[in-house]
Amino acid sequence: MGKVDACLPQWYVDSDSECPYGTHLAGDVTLPYDAGFLQGLSVMFGYIPYAAGIFLILIMFWRRGLHEYSIILFGIIVVVSNEFGWKHIVAQPRPVGSCCITCGMPSS
């Protein structure tokens, strides 16, 4: 069992497997079946990092200052080191209830 296999959930057999917990959305977010208010709120919170990134990029285009460019550069460094560094070192599976099949620690 390799590092990639270590992150696959038990329900995942092949590419035709269907997640029993909900629907996998863009951005590695799971929308649970029969989601209540708090679960819907959690899905919304799952998209906050993307909204913050878009907001910061828009601010960068509007103000064009060194401070804005520094924040964007810092964000790029954090995301790249997380996706291509830490995830391959730590390689922990996502929690039960997730429909994502990639490693989830540290979070995406």
C-alpha atoms as a PDB file:
ATOM      1  CA  MET A   1       0.000   0.000   0.000  1.00  0.00           C
ATOM      2  CA  GLY A   2       1.622   3.236  -1.178  1.00  0.00           C
ATOM      3  CA  LYS A   3       1.132   6.767   0.060  1.00  0.00           C
ATOM      4  CA  VAL A   4      -1.552   7.409  -2.549  1.00  0.00           C
ATOM      5  CA  ASP A   5      -3.476   4.272  -1.530  1.00  0.00           C
ATOM      6  CA  ALA A   6      -3.237   5.258   2.144  1.00  0.00           C
ATOM      7  CA  CYS A   7      -5.522   8.240   1.512  1.00  0.00           C
ATOM      8  CA  LEU A   8      -8.255   6.416  -0.393  1.00  0.00           C
ATOM      9  CA  PRO A   9     -11.470   6.026   1.641  1.00  0.00           C
ATOM     10  CA  GLN A  10     -12.953   2.558   2.218  1.00  0.00           C
ATOM     11  CA  TRP A  11     -15.908   3.205  -0.099  1.00  0.00           C
ATOM     12  CA  TYR A  12     -13.626   4.009  -3.067  1.00  0.00           C
ATOM     13  CA  VAL A  13     -13.059   0.907  -5.216  1.00  0.00           C
ATOM     14  CA  ASP A  14     -12.528   2.423  -8.673  1.00  0.00           C
ATOM     15  CA  SER A  15     -13.375   5.561 -10.642  1.00  0.00           C
ATOM     16  CA  ASP A  16     -17.024   4.432 -10.894  1.00  0.00           C
ATOM     17  CA  SER A  17     -17.442   4.352  -7.096  1.00  0.00           C
ATOM     18  CA  GLU A  18     -20.142   6.601  -5.655  1.00  0.00           C
ATOM     19  CA  CYS A  19     -19.656   8.419  -2.367  1.00  0.00           C
ATOM     20  CA  PRO A  20     -22.226   7.321   0.241  1.00  0.00           C
ATOM     21  CA  TYR A  21     -21.969  10.588   2.201  1.00  0.00           C
ATOM     22  CA  GLY A  22     -22.852  13.271  -0.331  1.00  0.00           C
ATOM     23  CA  THR A  23     -21.658  15.081  -3.437  1.00  0.00           C
ATOM     24  CA  HIS A  24     -18.073  16.100  -4.142  1.00  0.00           C
ATOM     25  CA  LEU A  25     -18.056  19.778  -5.126  1.00  0.00           C
ATOM     26  CA  ALA A  26     -15.335  21.876  -6.730  1.00  0.00           C
ATOM     27  CA  GLY A  27     -12.577  22.893  -4.350  1.00  0.00           C
ATOM     28  CA  ASP A  28     -12.525  19.579  -2.428  1.00  0.00           C
ATOM     29  CA  VAL A  29     -15.744  20.386  -0.548  1.00  0.00           C
ATOM     30  CA  THR A  30     -18.396  17.745   0.207  1.00  0.00           C
ATOM     31  CA  LEU A  31     -22.095  18.631   0.218  1.00  0.00           C
ATOM     32  CA  PRO A  32     -23.737  16.031   2.481  1.00  0.00           C
ATOM     33  CA  TYR A  33     -27.002  14.366   1.498  1.00  0.00           C
ATOM     34  CA  ASP A  34     -29.945  15.914   3.402  1.00  0.00           C
ATOM     35  CA  ALA A  35     -27.761  18.789   4.613  1.00  0.00           C
ATOM     36  CA  GLY A  36     -29.247  20.882   7.395  1.00  0.00           C
ATOM     37  CA  PHE A  37     -28.562  24.522   8.172  1.00  0.00           C
ATOM     38  CA  LEU A  38     -25.278  23.945  10.018  1.00  0.00           C
ATOM     39  CA  GLN A  39     -23.970  21.578   7.352  1.00  0.00           C
ATOM     40  CA  GLY A  40     -24.873  24.116   4.667  1.00  0.00           C
ATOM     41  CA  LEU A  41     -23.034  26.744   6.692  1.00  0.00           C
ATOM     42  CA  SER A  42     -20.018  24.436   6.856  1.00  0.00           C
ATOM     43  CA  VAL A  43     -20.069  24.035   3.070  1.00  0.00           C
ATOM     44  CA  MET A  44     -20.122  27.822   2.755  1.00  0.00           C
ATOM     45  CA  PHE A  45     -17.150  28.095   5.119  1.00  0.00           C
ATOM     46  CA  GLY A  46     -15.310  25.594   2.916  1.00  0.00           C
ATOM     47  CA  TYR A  47     -15.305  28.187   0.145  1.00  0.00           C
ATOM     48  CA  ILE A  48     -14.077  31.125   2.247  1.00  0.00           C
ATOM     49  CA  PRO A  49     -10.373  30.590   1.384  1.00  0.00           C
ATOM     50  CA  TYR A  50     -11.225  30.771  -2.326  1.00  0.00           C
ATOM     51  CA  ALA A  51     -13.366  33.888  -1.831  1.00  0.00           C
ATOM     52  CA  ALA A  52     -10.590  35.511   0.213  1.00  0.00           C
ATOM     53  CA  GLY A  53      -8.062  34.746  -2.530  1.00  0.00           C
ATOM     54  CA  ILE A  54     -10.289  36.264  -5.206  1.00  0.00           C
ATOM     55  CA  PHE A  55     -10.924  39.296  -2.998  1.00  0.00           C
ATOM     56  CA  LEU A  56      -7.188  39.827  -2.431  1.00  0.00           C
ATOM     57  CA  ILE A  57      -6.461  39.544  -6.153  1.00  0.00           C
ATOM     58  CA  LEU A  58      -9.140  42.159  -6.878  1.00  0.00           C
ATOM     59  CA  ILE A  59      -7.680  44.465  -4.210  1.00  0.00           C
ATOM     60  CA  MET A  60      -4.229  43.947  -5.756  1.00  0.00           C
ATOM     61  CA  PHE A  61      -5.517  45.075  -9.174  1.00  0.00           C
ATOM     62  CA  TRP A  62      -7.245  48.071  -7.612  1.00  0.00           C
ATOM     63  CA  ARG A  63      -4.451  49.390  -5.356  1.00  0.00           C
ATOM     64  CA  ARG A  64      -1.309  47.888  -6.962  1.00  0.00           C
ATOM     65  CA  GLY A  65       0.860  48.409  -3.913  1.00  0.00           C
ATOM     66  CA  LEU A  66       3.802  46.449  -2.547  1.00  0.00           C
ATOM     67  CA  HIS A  67       1.684  45.364   0.425  1.00  0.00           C
ATOM     68  CA  GLU A  68      -0.923  43.752  -1.838  1.00  0.00           C
ATOM     69  CA  TYR A  69       1.704  42.019  -3.973  1.00  0.00           C
ATOM     70  CA  SER A  70       3.401  40.721  -0.814  1.00  0.00           C
ATOM     71  CA  ILE A  71       0.142  39.211   0.460  1.00  0.00           C
ATOM     72  CA  ILE A  72      -0.515  37.498  -2.883  1.00  0.00           C
ATOM     73  CA  LEU A  73       3.068  36.170  -3.027  1.00  0.00           C
ATOM     74  CA  PHE A  74       2.763  34.852   0.532  1.00  0.00           C
ATOM     75  CA  GLY A  75      -0.518  33.103  -0.359  1.00  0.00           C
ATOM     76  CA  ILE A  76       1.056  31.493  -3.419  1.00  0.00           C
ATOM     77  CA  ILE A  77       4.025  30.253  -1.367  1.00  0.00           C
ATOM     78  CA  VAL A  78       1.725  28.775   1.306  1.00  0.00           C
ATOM     79  CA  VAL A  79      -0.516  26.989  -1.216  1.00  0.00           C
ATOM     80  CA  VAL A  80       2.381  25.593  -3.276  1.00  0.00           C
ATOM     81  CA  SER A  81       4.300  24.368  -0.207  1.00  0.00           C
ATOM     82  CA  ASN A  82       1.114  22.764   1.144  1.00  0.00           C
ATOM     83  CA  GLU A  83       0.046  21.062  -2.093  1.00  0.00           C
ATOM     84  CA  PHE A  84       3.472  19.883  -3.254  1.00  0.00           C
ATOM     85  CA  GLY A  85       5.326  19.572   0.045  1.00  0.00           C
ATOM     86  CA  TRP A  86       3.445  18.916   3.260  1.00  0.00           C
ATOM     87  CA  LYS A  87       0.705  16.764   1.757  1.00  0.00           C
ATOM     88  CA  HIS A  88       3.290  14.345   0.384  1.00  0.00           C
ATOM     89  CA  ILE A  89       5.205  14.252   3.666  1.00  0.00           C
ATOM     90  CA  VAL A  90       2.228  13.876   6.030  1.00  0.00           C
ATOM     91  CA  ALA A  91      -0.239  12.019   3.720  1.00  0.00           C
ATOM     92  CA  GLN A  92      -3.134  11.549   6.147  1.00  0.00           C
ATOM     93  CA  PRO A  93      -6.585  10.507   4.912  1.00  0.00           C
ATOM     94  CA  ARG A  94      -9.558  12.837   5.084  1.00  0.00           C
ATOM     95  CA  PRO A  95     -12.130  12.388   7.863  1.00  0.00           C
ATOM     96  CA  VAL A  96     -15.043   9.977   7.494  1.00  0.00           C
ATOM     97  CA  GLY A  97     -17.862  11.714   5.648  1.00  0.00           C
ATOM     98  CA  SER A  98     -15.689  13.320   2.989  1.00  0.00           C
ATOM     99  CA  CYS A  99     -16.235  12.495  -0.681  1.00  0.00           C
ATOM    100  CA  CYS A 100     -12.706  13.572  -1.651  1.00  0.00           C
ATOM    101  CA  ILE A 101     -10.252  10.795  -2.481  1.00  0.00           C
ATOM    102  CA  THR A 102      -7.024  12.784  -2.128  1.00  0.00           C
ATOM    103  CA  CYS A 103      -4.973  13.171   1.030  1.00  0.00           C
ATOM    104  CA  GLY A 104      -6.477  15.756   3.327  1.00  0.00           C
ATOM    105  CA  MET A 105      -3.887  16.662   5.927  1.00  0.00           C
ATOM    106  CA  PRO A 106      -2.922  19.405   5.860  1.00  0.00           C
ATOM    107  CA  SER A 107      -6.201  20.729   4.494  1.00  0.00           C
ATOM    108  CA  SER A 108      -6.429  21.843   0.901  1.00  0.00           C
END
